[in-house]
Every structure is written in C-alpha cells, then in structure tokens.
Amino acid sequence: MTKLMRIDCETASEIYLQGGSQLIDIRDQESYLAGHIADAIHIDNSSLSQFIASAETSQPLLIYCYHGNSSQQAGEHFINQGFEQVYSVDGGFEQWQHSPPITKKPEA
C-alpha cells in the first residue's frame, strides 16, 4: 500500500523540477489568489472530484497547504483514491516562500 511521504520544500522543488509531477494547493481560494507556487493547481471541495477523475494517479502528487498540516490529511485521502506517490510538503506555502525559488518550468 502507498504511504504518505512528508518532504521538505527543497525536496519538493527537486521532484517538481524533474517534471511529470502534479502540484496542488489546498488552501482557501482567497489565499491561493493572494499568492501561490507557479503552476500549482488549486483544489477545494468543489473541484476535488473533477481533479481526481482527470489526474494521472501514477504521477507524483505534491500537496501543500498553509504550514504542512492539512496537506497530510489531504494526502491520505488521495492515497485512498489510488494515487501512488503522494507527498505532503512540510512547512507548506509559508516555508516555500522562504525557500530558493523554482527557476525552471518542468517539461510536460
């Protein structure tokens, strides 16, 4: 069975830069609009089912929230939906803002 992996922002950036991963922001809409990681997909209760139906479950899924707590619970939900590689970003968006920036957009 898949296990949720907790990773730091630097490791999340490395995975993201390798390409082929999905980066999702589970914060509220207002926070997402105020600032988010480039190319992150905003997921909330109204878009969750659509995302799960269209997402590639074999690709790495990087999840972030405000500080890295809610993303762990969300990660467990995605594992239960069949996602194979699920990562919760410790420190969330708050920590990411203080980490070295992603400088290259991954190839799809």
PDB file of N, CA and C in Angstrom:
ATOM      1  N   MET A   1       0.837  -1.186   0.000  1.00  0.00           N
ATOM      2  CA  MET A   1       0.000   0.000   0.000  1.00  0.00           C
ATOM      3  C   MET A   1       0.881   1.247   0.000  1.00  0.00           C
ATOM      4  N   THR A   2       0.413   2.269  -0.664  1.00  0.00           N
ATOM      5  CA  THR A   2       1.124   3.538  -0.737  1.00  0.00           C
ATOM      6  C   THR A   2       1.135   4.204   0.630  1.00  0.00           C
ATOM      7  N   LYS A   3       2.246   4.815   0.944  1.00  0.00           N
ATOM      8  CA  LYS A   3       2.382   5.527   2.211  1.00  0.00           C
ATOM      9  C   LYS A   3       2.638   7.003   1.908  1.00  0.00           C
ATOM     10  N   LEU A   4       2.002   7.876   2.671  1.00  0.00           N
ATOM     11  CA  LEU A   4       2.223   9.303   2.532  1.00  0.00           C
ATOM     12  C   LEU A   4       3.664   9.622   2.913  1.00  0.00           C
ATOM     13  N   MET A   5       4.318  10.410   2.078  1.00  0.00           N
ATOM     14  CA  MET A   5       5.690  10.821   2.365  1.00  0.00           C
ATOM     15  C   MET A   5       5.709  12.308   2.672  1.00  0.00           C
ATOM     16  N   ARG A   6       6.311  12.665   3.783  1.00  0.00           N
ATOM     17  CA  ARG A   6       6.475  14.064   4.148  1.00  0.00           C
ATOM     18  C   ARG A   6       7.861  14.494   3.686  1.00  0.00           C
ATOM     19  N   ILE A   7       7.891  15.616   2.962  1.00  0.00           N
ATOM     20  CA  ILE A   7       9.158  16.104   2.421  1.00  0.00           C
ATOM     21  C   ILE A   7       9.295  17.596   2.691  1.00  0.00           C
ATOM     22  N   ASP A   8      10.533  18.063   2.676  1.00  0.00           N
ATOM     23  CA  ASP A   8      10.764  19.496   2.856  1.00  0.00           C
ATOM     24  C   ASP A   8      10.611  20.205   1.510  1.00  0.00           C
ATOM     25  N   CYS A   9      10.626  21.515   1.558  1.00  0.00           N
ATOM     26  CA  CYS A   9      10.409  22.323   0.355  1.00  0.00           C
ATOM     27  C   CYS A   9      11.486  22.100  -0.699  1.00  0.00           C
ATOM     28  N   GLU A  10      12.720  21.923  -0.260  1.00  0.00           N
ATOM     29  CA  GLU A  10      13.812  21.697  -1.215  1.00  0.00           C
ATOM     30  C   GLU A  10      13.608  20.399  -1.986  1.00  0.00           C
ATOM     31  N   THR A  11      13.232  19.342  -1.281  1.00  0.00           N
ATOM     32  CA  THR A  11      12.978  18.063  -1.941  1.00  0.00           C
ATOM     33  C   THR A  11      11.779  18.164  -2.870  1.00  0.00           C
ATOM     34  N   ALA A  12      10.737  18.885  -2.442  1.00  0.00           N
ATOM     35  CA  ALA A  12       9.560  19.090  -3.290  1.00  0.00           C
ATOM     36  C   ALA A  12       9.959  19.812  -4.577  1.00  0.00           C
ATOM     37  N   SER A  13      10.808  20.817  -4.462  1.00  0.00           N
ATOM     38  CA  SER A  13      11.275  21.546  -5.643  1.00  0.00           C
ATOM     39  C   SER A  13      12.033  20.625  -6.592  1.00  0.00           C
ATOM     40  N   GLU A  14      12.880  19.764  -6.028  1.00  0.00           N
ATOM     41  CA  GLU A  14      13.651  18.836  -6.855  1.00  0.00           C
ATOM     42  C   GLU A  14      12.731  17.881  -7.614  1.00  0.00           C
ATOM     43  N   ILE A  15      11.726  17.348  -6.927  1.00  0.00           N
ATOM     44  CA  ILE A  15      10.773  16.445  -7.574  1.00  0.00           C
ATOM     45  C   ILE A  15      10.018  17.189  -8.668  1.00  0.00           C
ATOM     46  N   TYR A  16       9.576  18.393  -8.353  1.00  0.00           N
ATOM     47  CA  TYR A  16       8.818  19.197  -9.310  1.00  0.00           C
ATOM     48  C   TYR A  16       9.658  19.515 -10.546  1.00  0.00           C
ATOM     49  N   LEU A  17      10.917  19.856 -10.350  1.00  0.00           N
ATOM     50  CA  LEU A  17      11.788  20.209 -11.469  1.00  0.00           C
ATOM     51  C   LEU A  17      12.108  19.020 -12.368  1.00  0.00           C
ATOM     52  N   GLN A  18      11.962  17.811 -11.855  1.00  0.00           N
ATOM     53  CA  GLN A  18      12.176  16.623 -12.682  1.00  0.00           C
ATOM     54  C   GLN A  18      11.077  16.478 -13.729  1.00  0.00           C
ATOM     55  N   GLY A  19       9.960  17.160 -13.514  1.00  0.00           N
ATOM     56  CA  GLY A  19       8.839  17.099 -14.452  1.00  0.00           C
ATOM     57  C   GLY A  19       7.948  15.905 -14.200  1.00  0.00           C
ATOM     58  N   GLY A  20       6.752  15.983 -14.747  1.00  0.00           N
ATOM     59  CA  GLY A  20       5.822  14.876 -14.641  1.00  0.00           C
ATOM     60  C   GLY A  20       5.062  14.789 -13.337  1.00  0.00           C
ATOM     61  N   SER A  21       5.274  15.733 -12.434  1.00  0.00           N
ATOM     62  CA  SER A  21       4.545  15.696 -11.170  1.00  0.00           C
ATOM     63  C   SER A  21       3.380  16.671 -11.211  1.00  0.00           C
ATOM     64  N   GLN A  22       2.477  16.502 -10.273  1.00  0.00           N
ATOM     65  CA  GLN A  22       1.319  17.364 -10.123  1.00  0.00           C
ATOM     66  C   GLN A  22       1.474  18.116  -8.810  1.00  0.00           C
ATOM     67  N   LEU A  23       1.311  19.428  -8.845  1.00  0.00           N
ATOM     68  CA  LEU A  23       1.476  20.266  -7.667  1.00  0.00           C
ATOM     69  C   LEU A  23       0.126  20.885  -7.339  1.00  0.00           C
ATOM     70  N   ILE A  24      -0.394  20.591  -6.147  1.00  0.00           N
ATOM     71  CA  ILE A  24      -1.699  21.135  -5.790  1.00  0.00           C
ATOM     72  C   ILE A  24      -1.647  21.933  -4.497  1.00  0.00           C
ATOM     73  N   ASP A  25      -2.435  22.980  -4.498  1.00  0.00           N
ATOM     74  CA  ASP A  25      -2.578  23.912  -3.376  1.00  0.00           C
ATOM     75  C   ASP A  25      -3.965  23.680  -2.792  1.00  0.00           C
ATOM     76  N   ILE A  26      -4.043  23.316  -1.518  1.00  0.00           N
ATOM     77  CA  ILE A  26      -5.343  23.031  -0.905  1.00  0.00           C
ATOM     78  C   ILE A  26      -5.798  24.134   0.049  1.00  0.00           C
ATOM     79  N   ARG A  27      -5.145  25.281  -0.022  1.00  0.00           N
ATOM     80  CA  ARG A  27      -5.576  26.404   0.815  1.00  0.00           C
ATOM     81  C   ARG A  27      -6.879  26.979   0.273  1.00  0.00           C
ATOM     82  N   ASP A  28      -7.481  27.896   1.004  1.00  0.00           N
ATOM     83  CA  ASP A  28      -8.729  28.500   0.538  1.00  0.00           C
ATOM     84  C   ASP A  28      -8.465  29.369  -0.697  1.00  0.00           C
ATOM     85  N   GLN A  29      -9.528  29.649  -1.434  1.00  0.00           N
ATOM     86  CA  GLN A  29      -9.431  30.390  -2.701  1.00  0.00           C
ATOM     87  C   GLN A  29      -8.778  31.757  -2.513  1.00  0.00           C
ATOM     88  N   GLU A  30      -9.152  32.457  -1.471  1.00  0.00           N
ATOM     89  CA  GLU A  30      -8.605  33.795  -1.226  1.00  0.00           C
ATOM     90  C   GLU A  30      -7.088  33.747  -1.036  1.00  0.00           C
ATOM     91  N   SER A  31      -6.619  32.782  -0.269  1.00  0.00           N
ATOM     92  CA  SER A  31      -5.178  32.645  -0.045  1.00  0.00           C
ATOM     93  C   SER A  31      -4.462  32.275  -1.336  1.00  0.00           C
ATOM     94  N   TYR A  32      -5.057  31.367  -2.112  1.00  0.00           N
ATOM     95  CA  TYR A  32      -4.469  30.974  -3.383  1.00  0.00           C
ATOM     96  C   TYR A  32      -4.335  32.179  -4.313  1.00  0.00           C
ATOM     97  N   LEU A  33      -5.395  32.984  -4.396  1.00  0.00           N
ATOM     98  CA  LEU A  33      -5.367  34.152  -5.275  1.00  0.00           C
ATOM     99  C   LEU A  33      -4.372  35.205  -4.795  1.00  0.00           C
ATOM    100  N   ALA A  34      -4.142  35.268  -3.484  1.00  0.00           N
ATOM    101  CA  ALA A  34      -3.189  36.238  -2.923  1.00  0.00           C
ATOM    102  C   ALA A  34      -1.745  35.848  -3.238  1.00  0.00           C
ATOM    103  N   GLY A  35      -1.498  34.581  -3.499  1.00  0.00           N
ATOM    104  CA  GLY A  35      -0.155  34.115  -3.828  1.00  0.00           C
ATOM    105  C   GLY A  35      -0.082  32.602  -3.761  1.00  0.00           C
ATOM    106  N   HIS A  36       0.577  32.016  -4.739  1.00  0.00           N
ATOM    107  CA  HIS A  36       0.735  30.566  -4.784  1.00  0.00           C
ATOM    108  C   HIS A  36       1.985  30.212  -5.581  1.00  0.00           C
ATOM    109  N   ILE A  37       2.378  28.972  -5.503  1.00  0.00           N
ATOM    110  CA  ILE A  37       3.519  28.481  -6.257  1.00  0.00           C
ATOM    111  C   ILE A  37       3.121  28.428  -7.733  1.00  0.00           C
ATOM    112  N   ALA A  38       4.000  28.909  -8.591  1.00  0.00           N
ATOM    113  CA  ALA A  38       3.725  28.912 -10.029  1.00  0.00           C
ATOM    114  C   ALA A  38       3.299  27.520 -10.501  1.00  0.00           C
ATOM    115  N   ASP A  39       2.279  27.476 -11.315  1.00  0.00           N
ATOM    116  CA  ASP A  39       1.740  26.254 -11.916  1.00  0.00           C
ATOM    117  C   ASP A  39       1.003  25.339 -10.941  1.00  0.00           C
ATOM    118  N   ALA A  40       0.840  25.761  -9.688  1.00  0.00           N
ATOM    119  CA  ALA A  40       0.075  24.950  -8.741  1.00  0.00           C
ATOM    120  C   ALA A  40      -1.403  24.989  -9.116  1.00  0.00           C
ATOM    121  N   ILE A  41      -2.052  23.864  -8.960  1.00  0.00           N
ATOM    122  CA  ILE A  41      -3.480  23.749  -9.221  1.00  0.00           C
ATOM    123  C   ILE A  41      -4.202  23.928  -7.890  1.00  0.00           C
ATOM    124  N   HIS A  42      -5.185  24.807  -7.870  1.00  0.00           N
ATOM    125  CA  HIS A  42      -5.958  24.995  -6.647  1.00  0.00           C
ATOM    126  C   HIS A  42      -7.042  23.928  -6.581  1.00  0.00           C
ATOM    127  N   ILE A  43      -7.086  23.211  -5.461  1.00  0.00           N
ATOM    128  CA  ILE A  43      -8.083  22.175  -5.243  1.00  0.00           C
ATOM    129  C   ILE A  43      -8.866  22.527  -3.987  1.00  0.00           C
ATOM    130  N   ASP A  44     -10.190  22.514  -4.115  1.00  0.00           N
ATOM    131  CA  ASP A  44     -11.051  22.672  -2.946  1.00  0.00           C
ATOM    132  C   ASP A  44     -12.171  21.644  -3.068  1.00  0.00           C
ATOM    133  N   ASN A  45     -13.127  21.688  -2.163  1.00  0.00           N
ATOM    134  CA  ASN A  45     -14.190  20.679  -2.168  1.00  0.00           C
ATOM    135  C   ASN A  45     -14.966  20.656  -3.479  1.00  0.00           C
ATOM    136  N   SER A  46     -15.114  21.811  -4.120  1.00  0.00           N
ATOM    137  CA  SER A  46     -15.897  21.853  -5.356  1.00  0.00           C
ATOM    138  C   SER A  46     -15.131  21.311  -6.567  1.00  0.00           C
ATOM    139  N   SER A  47     -13.821  21.291  -6.519  1.00  0.00           N
ATOM    140  CA  SER A  47     -13.032  20.811  -7.660  1.00  0.00           C
ATOM    141  C   SER A  47     -12.340  19.469  -7.405  1.00  0.00           C
ATOM    142  N   LEU A  48     -12.490  18.944  -6.209  1.00  0.00           N
ATOM    143  CA  LEU A  48     -11.788  17.718  -5.827  1.00  0.00           C
ATOM    144  C   LEU A  48     -12.155  16.527  -6.712  1.00  0.00           C
ATOM    145  N   SER A  49     -13.445  16.275  -6.892  1.00  0.00           N
ATOM    146  CA  SER A  49     -13.879  15.111  -7.680  1.00  0.00           C
ATOM    147  C   SER A  49     -13.401  15.200  -9.122  1.00  0.00           C
ATOM    148  N   GLN A  50     -13.483  16.384  -9.697  1.00  0.00           N
ATOM    149  CA  GLN A  50     -13.036  16.568 -11.073  1.00  0.00           C
ATOM    150  C   GLN A  50     -11.529  16.330 -11.194  1.00  0.00           C
ATOM    151  N   PHE A  51     -10.772  16.832 -10.227  1.00  0.00           N
ATOM    152  CA  PHE A  51      -9.322  16.624 -10.258  1.00  0.00           C
ATOM    153  C   PHE A  51      -9.000  15.136 -10.178  1.00  0.00           C
ATOM    154  N   ILE A  52      -9.629  14.438  -9.239  1.00  0.00           N
ATOM    155  CA  ILE A  52      -9.353  13.012  -9.062  1.00  0.00           C
ATOM    156  C   ILE A  52      -9.702  12.235 -10.331  1.00  0.00           C
ATOM    157  N   ALA A  53     -10.806  12.591 -10.963  1.00  0.00           N
ATOM    158  CA  ALA A  53     -11.242  11.893 -12.174  1.00  0.00           C
ATOM    159  C   ALA A  53     -10.289  12.110 -13.351  1.00  0.00           C
ATOM    160  N   SER A  54      -9.637  13.268 -13.398  1.00  0.00           N
ATOM    161  CA  SER A  54      -8.792  13.583 -14.554  1.00  0.00           C
ATOM    162  C   SER A  54      -7.293  13.448 -14.289  1.00  0.00           C
ATOM    163  N   ALA A  55      -6.897  13.297 -13.059  1.00  0.00           N
ATOM    164  CA  ALA A  55      -5.470  13.257 -12.711  1.00  0.00           C
ATOM    165  C   ALA A  55      -4.852  11.902 -13.043  1.00  0.00           C
ATOM    166  N   GLU A  56      -3.571  11.937 -13.275  1.00  0.00           N
ATOM    167  CA  GLU A  56      -2.802  10.711 -13.528  1.00  0.00           C
ATOM    168  C   GLU A  56      -2.318  10.188 -12.175  1.00  0.00           C
ATOM    169  N   THR A  57      -2.901   9.107 -11.713  1.00  0.00           N
ATOM    170  CA  THR A  57      -2.613   8.604 -10.362  1.00  0.00           C
ATOM    171  C   THR A  57      -1.209   8.026 -10.210  1.00  0.00           C
ATOM    172  N   SER A  58      -0.535   7.747 -11.327  1.00  0.00           N
ATOM    173  CA  SER A  58       0.824   7.203 -11.225  1.00  0.00           C
ATOM    174  C   SER A  58       1.886   8.302 -11.146  1.00  0.00           C
ATOM    175  N   GLN A  59       1.517   9.548 -11.436  1.00  0.00           N
ATOM    176  CA  GLN A  59       2.477  10.652 -11.348  1.00  0.00           C
ATOM    177  C   GLN A  59       2.595  11.128  -9.900  1.00  0.00           C
ATOM    178  N   PRO A  60       3.782  11.592  -9.514  1.00  0.00           N
ATOM    179  CA  PRO A  60       3.928  12.125  -8.161  1.00  0.00           C
ATOM    180  C   PRO A  60       2.953  13.274  -7.911  1.00  0.00           C
ATOM    181  N   LEU A  61       2.357  13.285  -6.732  1.00  0.00           N
ATOM    182  CA  LEU A  61       1.413  14.325  -6.341  1.00  0.00           C
ATOM    183  C   LEU A  61       2.003  15.069  -5.150  1.00  0.00           C
ATOM    184  N   LEU A  62       2.326  16.345  -5.360  1.00  0.00           N
ATOM    185  CA  LEU A  62       2.883  17.206  -4.316  1.00  0.00           C
ATOM    186  C   LEU A  62       1.746  18.076  -3.786  1.00  0.00           C
ATOM    187  N   ILE A  63       1.503  18.017  -2.482  1.00  0.00           N
ATOM    188  CA  ILE A  63       0.397  18.753  -1.878  1.00  0.00           C
ATOM    189  C   ILE A  63       0.951  19.738  -0.860  1.00  0.00           C
ATOM    190  N   TYR A  64       0.472  20.978  -0.954  1.00  0.00           N
ATOM    191  CA  TYR A  64       0.837  21.940   0.083  1.00  0.00           C
ATOM    192  C   TYR A  64      -0.389  22.701   0.565  1.00  0.00           C
ATOM    193  N   CYS A  65      -0.292  23.156   1.812  1.00  0.00           N
ATOM    194  CA  CYS A  65      -1.337  23.954   2.439  1.00  0.00           C
ATOM    195  C   CYS A  65      -0.660  25.179   3.035  1.00  0.00           C
ATOM    196  N   TYR A  66      -1.109  25.636   4.181  1.00  0.00           N
ATOM    197  CA  TYR A  66      -0.508  26.809   4.819  1.00  0.00           C
ATOM    198  C   TYR A  66       0.832  26.468   5.470  1.00  0.00           C
ATOM    199  N   HIS A  67       0.838  25.459   6.341  1.00  0.00           N
ATOM    200  CA  HIS A  67       2.031  25.130   7.120  1.00  0.00           C
ATOM    201  C   HIS A  67       2.441  23.660   7.041  1.00  0.00           C
ATOM    202  N   GLY A  68       1.703  22.847   6.320  1.00  0.00           N
ATOM    203  CA  GLY A  68       2.070  21.444   6.172  1.00  0.00           C
ATOM    204  C   GLY A  68       1.274  20.482   7.017  1.00  0.00           C
ATOM    205  N   ASN A  69       0.214  20.935   7.660  1.00  0.00           N
ATOM    206  CA  ASN A  69      -0.601  20.044   8.481  1.00  0.00           C
ATOM    207  C   ASN A  69      -1.785  19.471   7.707  1.00  0.00           C
ATOM    208  N   SER A  70      -2.587  20.330   7.121  1.00  0.00           N
ATOM    209  CA  SER A  70      -3.767  19.884   6.363  1.00  0.00           C
ATOM    210  C   SER A  70      -3.370  19.043   5.155  1.00  0.00           C
ATOM    211  N   SER A  71      -2.210  19.308   4.605  1.00  0.00           N
ATOM    212  CA  SER A  71      -1.770  18.550   3.425  1.00  0.00           C
ATOM    213  C   SER A  71      -1.531  17.079   3.768  1.00  0.00           C
ATOM    214  N   GLN A  72      -1.240  16.785   5.025  1.00  0.00           N
ATOM    215  CA  GLN A  72      -1.065  15.389   5.413  1.00  0.00           C
ATOM    216  C   GLN A  72      -2.399  14.646   5.369  1.00  0.00           C
ATOM    217  N   GLN A  73      -3.439  15.282   5.882  1.00  0.00           N
ATOM    218  CA  GLN A  73      -4.772  14.669   5.834  1.00  0.00           C
ATOM    219  C   GLN A  73      -5.245  14.527   4.395  1.00  0.00           C
ATOM    220  N   ALA A  74      -5.028  15.567   3.594  1.00  0.00           N
ATOM    221  CA  ALA A  74      -5.419  15.514   2.180  1.00  0.00           C
ATOM    222  C   ALA A  74      -4.652  14.406   1.473  1.00  0.00           C
ATOM    223  N   GLY A  75      -3.378  14.273   1.801  1.00  0.00           N
ATOM    224  CA  GLY A  75      -2.561  13.235   1.193  1.00  0.00           C
ATOM    225  C   GLY A  75      -3.112  11.846   1.439  1.00  0.00           C
ATOM    226  N   GLU A  76      -3.569  11.586   2.648  1.00  0.00           N
ATOM    227  CA  GLU A  76      -4.168  10.288   2.957  1.00  0.00           C
ATOM    228  C   GLU A  76      -5.410  10.054   2.096  1.00  0.00           C
ATOM    229  N   HIS A  77      -6.186  11.098   1.889  1.00  0.00           N
ATOM    230  CA  HIS A  77      -7.377  10.974   1.041  1.00  0.00           C
ATOM    231  C   HIS A  77      -6.973  10.605  -0.394  1.00  0.00           C
ATOM    232  N   PHE A  78      -5.954  11.261  -0.925  1.00  0.00           N
ATOM    233  CA  PHE A  78      -5.517  10.963  -2.285  1.00  0.00           C
ATOM    234  C   PHE A  78      -4.963   9.542  -2.391  1.00  0.00           C
ATOM    235  N   ILE A  79      -4.291   9.080  -1.378  1.00  0.00           N
ATOM    236  CA  ILE A  79      -3.822   7.690  -1.374  1.00  0.00           C
ATOM    237  C   ILE A  79      -5.013   6.746  -1.445  1.00  0.00           C
ATOM    238  N   ASN A  80      -6.050   7.040  -0.670  1.00  0.00           N
ATOM    239  CA  ASN A  80      -7.258   6.203  -0.680  1.00  0.00           C
ATOM    240  C   ASN A  80      -7.973   6.245  -2.026  1.00  0.00           C
ATOM    241  N   GLN A  81      -7.687   7.266  -2.829  1.00  0.00           N
ATOM    242  CA  GLN A  81      -8.283   7.385  -4.159  1.00  0.00           C
ATOM    243  C   GLN A  81      -7.409   6.745  -5.238  1.00  0.00           C
ATOM    244  N   GLY A  82      -6.301   6.118  -4.840  1.00  0.00           N
ATOM    245  CA  GLY A  82      -5.482   5.371  -5.781  1.00  0.00           C
ATOM    246  C   GLY A  82      -4.208   6.052  -6.252  1.00  0.00           C
ATOM    247  N   PHE A  83      -3.876   7.215  -5.701  1.00  0.00           N
ATOM    248  CA  PHE A  83      -2.628   7.875  -6.089  1.00  0.00           C
ATOM    249  C   PHE A  83      -1.461   7.086  -5.516  1.00  0.00           C
ATOM    250  N   GLU A  84      -0.421   6.915  -6.321  1.00  0.00           N
ATOM    251  CA  GLU A  84       0.682   6.024  -5.972  1.00  0.00           C
ATOM    252  C   GLU A  84       1.847   6.702  -5.265  1.00  0.00           C
ATOM    253  N   GLN A  85       2.120   7.960  -5.569  1.00  0.00           N
ATOM    254  CA  GLN A  85       3.243   8.689  -4.970  1.00  0.00           C
ATOM    255  C   GLN A  85       2.705  10.016  -4.441  1.00  0.00           C
ATOM    256  N   VAL A  86       2.458  10.083  -3.147  1.00  0.00           N
ATOM    257  CA  VAL A  86       1.838  11.270  -2.564  1.00  0.00           C
ATOM    258  C   VAL A  86       2.793  11.887  -1.549  1.00  0.00           C
ATOM    259  N   TYR A  87       3.051  13.183  -1.731  1.00  0.00           N
ATOM    260  CA  TYR A  87       3.985  13.915  -0.889  1.00  0.00           C
ATOM    261  C   TYR A  87       3.285  15.103  -0.230  1.00  0.00           C
ATOM    262  N   SER A  88       3.447  15.218   1.070  1.00  0.00           N
ATOM    263  CA  SER A  88       2.978  16.389   1.811  1.00  0.00           C
ATOM    264  C   SER A  88       4.197  17.280   2.048  1.00  0.00           C
ATOM    265  N   VAL A  89       4.079  18.547   1.667  1.00  0.00           N
ATOM    266  CA  VAL A  89       5.206  19.471   1.784  1.00  0.00           C
ATOM    267  C   VAL A  89       5.220  20.080   3.185  1.00  0.00           C
ATOM    268  N   ASP A  90       6.186  19.675   3.991  1.00  0.00           N
ATOM    269  CA  ASP A  90       6.337  20.218   5.343  1.00  0.00           C
ATOM    270  C   ASP A  90       6.605  21.714   5.283  1.00  0.00           C
ATOM    271  N   GLY A  91       5.945  22.453   6.136  1.00  0.00           N
ATOM    272  CA  GLY A  91       6.109  23.895   6.166  1.00  0.00           C
ATOM    273  C   GLY A  91       5.161  24.624   5.233  1.00  0.00           C
ATOM    274  N   GLY A  92       4.575  23.891   4.283  1.00  0.00           N
ATOM    275  CA  GLY A  92       3.584  24.442   3.382  1.00  0.00           C
ATOM    276  C   GLY A  92       4.044  25.668   2.618  1.00  0.00           C
ATOM    277  N   PHE A  93       3.062  26.467   2.202  1.00  0.00           N
ATOM    278  CA  PHE A  93       3.349  27.657   1.409  1.00  0.00           C
ATOM    279  C   PHE A  93       4.195  28.652   2.196  1.00  0.00           C
ATOM    280  N   GLU A  94       3.958  28.718   3.488  1.00  0.00           N
ATOM    281  CA  GLU A  94       4.711  29.658   4.328  1.00  0.00           C
ATOM    282  C   GLU A  94       6.212  29.386   4.232  1.00  0.00           C
ATOM    283  N   GLN A  95       6.594  28.124   4.337  1.00  0.00           N
ATOM    284  CA  GLN A  95       8.011  27.766   4.246  1.00  0.00           C
ATOM    285  C   GLN A  95       8.522  27.911   2.818  1.00  0.00           C
ATOM    286  N   TRP A  96       7.687  27.561   1.841  1.00  0.00           N
ATOM    287  CA  TRP A  96       8.094  27.624   0.434  1.00  0.00           C
ATOM    288  C   TRP A  96       8.496  29.046   0.058  1.00  0.00           C
ATOM    289  N   GLN A  97       7.788  30.030   0.618  1.00  0.00           N
ATOM    290  CA  GLN A  97       8.107  31.422   0.311  1.00  0.00           C
ATOM    291  C   GLN A  97       9.521  31.795   0.747  1.00  0.00           C
ATOM    292  N   HIS A  98      10.059  31.092   1.706  1.00  0.00           N
ATOM    293  CA  HIS A  98      11.396  31.386   2.230  1.00  0.00           C
ATOM    294  C   HIS A  98      12.458  30.437   1.682  1.00  0.00           C
ATOM    295  N   SER A  99      12.059  29.577   0.754  1.00  0.00           N
ATOM    296  CA  SER A  99      12.975  28.613   0.149  1.00  0.00           C
ATOM    297  C   SER A  99      13.466  29.156  -1.184  1.00  0.00           C
ATOM    298  N   PRO A 100      14.554  28.599  -1.708  1.00  0.00           N
ATOM    299  CA  PRO A 100      15.006  29.028  -3.038  1.00  0.00           C
ATOM    300  C   PRO A 100      13.886  28.817  -4.052  1.00  0.00           C
ATOM    301  N   PRO A 101      13.693  29.762  -4.944  1.00  0.00           N
ATOM    302  CA  PRO A 101      12.586  29.677  -5.898  1.00  0.00           C
ATOM    303  C   PRO A 101      12.805  28.625  -6.965  1.00  0.00           C
ATOM    304  N   ILE A 102      11.694  28.141  -7.513  1.00  0.00           N
ATOM    305  CA  ILE A 102      11.759  27.269  -8.678  1.00  0.00           C
ATOM    306  C   ILE A 102      12.056  28.188  -9.858  1.00  0.00           C
ATOM    307  N   THR A 103      13.120  27.915 -10.557  1.00  0.00           N
ATOM    308  CA  THR A 103      13.535  28.818 -11.620  1.00  0.00           C
ATOM    309  C   THR A 103      13.298  28.260 -13.014  1.00  0.00           C
ATOM    310  N   LYS A 104      12.852  27.040 -13.110  1.00  0.00           N
ATOM    311  CA  LYS A 104      12.670  26.409 -14.411  1.00  0.00           C
ATOM    312  C   LYS A 104      11.341  25.683 -14.420  1.00  0.00           C
ATOM    313  N   LYS A 105      10.563  25.914 -15.440  1.00  0.00           N
ATOM    314  CA  LYS A 105       9.285  25.211 -15.567  1.00  0.00           C
ATOM    315  C   LYS A 105       9.565  23.823 -16.139  1.00  0.00           C
ATOM    316  N   PRO A 106       8.994  22.784 -15.510  1.00  0.00           N
ATOM    317  CA  PRO A 106       9.253  21.422 -15.990  1.00  0.00           C
ATOM    318  C   PRO A 106       8.586  21.157 -17.330  1.00  0.00           C
ATOM    319  N   GLU A 107       9.170  20.254 -18.079  1.00  0.00           N
ATOM    320  CA  GLU A 107       8.593  19.811 -19.348  1.00  0.00           C
ATOM    321  C   GLU A 107       7.434  18.886 -19.021  1.00  0.00           C
ATOM    322  N   ALA A 108       6.367  19.002 -19.755  1.00  0.00           N
ATOM    323  CA  ALA A 108       5.190  18.144 -19.503  1.00  0.00           C
ATOM    324  C   ALA A 108       5.359  16.768 -20.091  1.00  0.00           C
TER     325      ALA A 108
END
